[in-house]
Amino acid sequence: MIIEVMRDYLEERGVGSEEIAHATGIDQREIEGALQGESSLDFAQYALICRFLGVPIETFIEADEARRKK
């Protein structure tokens, strides 16, 4: 799942849900729920997070596809 790829990316860089929430306006509980697999984000929320990170969303989509092929 894309959220798993994003979670790994965030952990590797030490970026937390509070920082993402502050920068994007997405509720921190929504972010935490998605990162823990308890809920999901919509495409617009993914786009906001990617914009904050400075990473194209395709990066996460392609990484997810590569994981699924393994």
C-alpha atoms as a PDB file:
ATOM      1  CA  MET A   1       0.000   0.000   0.000  1.00  0.00           C
ATOM      2  CA  ILE A   2       1.139   3.510  -0.735  1.00  0.00           C
ATOM      3  CA  ILE A   3       0.706   4.553   2.890  1.00  0.00           C
ATOM      4  CA  GLU A   4       3.219   1.889   3.951  1.00  0.00           C
ATOM      5  CA  VAL A   5       5.789   3.280   1.529  1.00  0.00           C
ATOM      6  CA  MET A   6       5.082   6.786   2.785  1.00  0.00           C
ATOM      7  CA  ARG A   7       5.320   5.665   6.423  1.00  0.00           C
ATOM      8  CA  ASP A   8       8.749   4.145   5.780  1.00  0.00           C
ATOM      9  CA  TYR A   9       9.862   7.308   3.976  1.00  0.00           C
ATOM     10  CA  LEU A  10       8.718   9.498   6.870  1.00  0.00           C
ATOM     11  CA  GLU A  11      10.363   7.283   9.495  1.00  0.00           C
ATOM     12  CA  GLU A  12      13.671   7.262   7.613  1.00  0.00           C
ATOM     13  CA  ARG A  13      13.659  11.057   7.589  1.00  0.00           C
ATOM     14  CA  GLY A  14      12.318  11.619  11.092  1.00  0.00           C
ATOM     15  CA  VAL A  15       9.184  13.424   9.924  1.00  0.00           C
ATOM     16  CA  GLY A  16       6.265  13.042  12.321  1.00  0.00           C
ATOM     17  CA  SER A  17       2.528  13.419  12.052  1.00  0.00           C
ATOM     18  CA  GLU A  18       2.553  16.653  14.060  1.00  0.00           C
ATOM     19  CA  GLU A  19       4.925  18.297  11.590  1.00  0.00           C
ATOM     20  CA  ILE A  20       2.867  17.089   8.629  1.00  0.00           C
ATOM     21  CA  ALA A  21      -0.377  18.273  10.242  1.00  0.00           C
ATOM     22  CA  HIS A  22       1.042  21.712  10.939  1.00  0.00           C
ATOM     23  CA  ALA A  23       2.358  22.107   7.389  1.00  0.00           C
ATOM     24  CA  THR A  24      -0.658  20.697   5.549  1.00  0.00           C
ATOM     25  CA  GLY A  25      -3.670  21.475   7.719  1.00  0.00           C
ATOM     26  CA  ILE A  26      -4.647  17.800   7.824  1.00  0.00           C
ATOM     27  CA  ASP A  27      -5.814  16.717  11.271  1.00  0.00           C
ATOM     28  CA  GLN A  28      -2.981  14.954  13.079  1.00  0.00           C
ATOM     29  CA  ARG A  29      -5.320  12.150  14.179  1.00  0.00           C
ATOM     30  CA  GLU A  30      -6.209  11.458  10.538  1.00  0.00           C
ATOM     31  CA  ILE A  31      -2.544  11.231   9.628  1.00  0.00           C
ATOM     32  CA  GLU A  32      -1.727   8.975  12.570  1.00  0.00           C
ATOM     33  CA  GLY A  33      -4.710   6.731  11.834  1.00  0.00           C
ATOM     34  CA  ALA A  34      -3.640   6.331   8.219  1.00  0.00           C
ATOM     35  CA  LEU A  35      -0.008   5.661   9.112  1.00  0.00           C
ATOM     36  CA  GLN A  36      -1.132   2.990  11.580  1.00  0.00           C
ATOM     37  CA  GLY A  37      -3.436   1.390   8.999  1.00  0.00           C
ATOM     38  CA  GLU A  38      -6.600   2.234  10.910  1.00  0.00           C
ATOM     39  CA  SER A  39      -8.012   4.660   8.352  1.00  0.00           C
ATOM     40  CA  SER A  40      -7.132   6.078   4.967  1.00  0.00           C
ATOM     41  CA  LEU A  41      -6.286   9.380   3.355  1.00  0.00           C
ATOM     42  CA  ASP A  42      -7.866  10.707   0.200  1.00  0.00           C
ATOM     43  CA  PHE A  43      -5.897  11.685  -2.895  1.00  0.00           C
ATOM     44  CA  ALA A  44      -5.955  15.404  -2.030  1.00  0.00           C
ATOM     45  CA  GLN A  45      -4.432  14.663   1.378  1.00  0.00           C
ATOM     46  CA  TYR A  46      -1.706  12.527  -0.205  1.00  0.00           C
ATOM     47  CA  ALA A  47      -1.019  15.375  -2.619  1.00  0.00           C
ATOM     48  CA  LEU A  48      -0.692  17.885   0.239  1.00  0.00           C
ATOM     49  CA  ILE A  49       1.728  15.638   2.095  1.00  0.00           C
ATOM     50  CA  CYS A  50       3.792  15.071  -1.042  1.00  0.00           C
ATOM     51  CA  ARG A  51       3.916  18.812  -1.716  1.00  0.00           C
ATOM     52  CA  PHE A  52       5.123  19.380   1.856  1.00  0.00           C
ATOM     53  CA  LEU A  53       7.792  16.690   1.433  1.00  0.00           C
ATOM     54  CA  GLY A  54       8.816  17.998  -1.981  1.00  0.00           C
ATOM     55  CA  VAL A  55       8.335  14.535  -3.465  1.00  0.00           C
ATOM     56  CA  PRO A  56       6.103  13.713  -6.438  1.00  0.00           C
ATOM     57  CA  ILE A  57       3.288  11.335  -5.532  1.00  0.00           C
ATOM     58  CA  GLU A  58       4.494   9.089  -8.360  1.00  0.00           C
ATOM     59  CA  THR A  59       7.540   8.296  -6.226  1.00  0.00           C
ATOM     60  CA  PHE A  60       5.326   6.538  -3.685  1.00  0.00           C
ATOM     61  CA  ILE A  61       3.111   4.906  -6.316  1.00  0.00           C
ATOM     62  CA  GLU A  62       6.111   3.461  -8.159  1.00  0.00           C
ATOM     63  CA  ALA A  63       7.733   2.260  -4.935  1.00  0.00           C
ATOM     64  CA  ASP A  64       4.475   0.553  -3.953  1.00  0.00           C
ATOM     65  CA  GLU A  65       4.241  -1.150  -7.340  1.00  0.00           C
ATOM     66  CA  ALA A  66       7.834  -2.344  -7.016  1.00  0.00           C
ATOM     67  CA  ARG A  67       7.098  -3.799  -3.549  1.00  0.00           C
ATOM     68  CA  ARG A  68       4.077  -5.671  -4.866  1.00  0.00           C
ATOM     69  CA  LYS A  69       6.153  -7.306  -7.621  1.00  0.00           C
ATOM     70  CA  LYS A  70       8.593  -8.799  -5.114  1.00  0.00           C
END
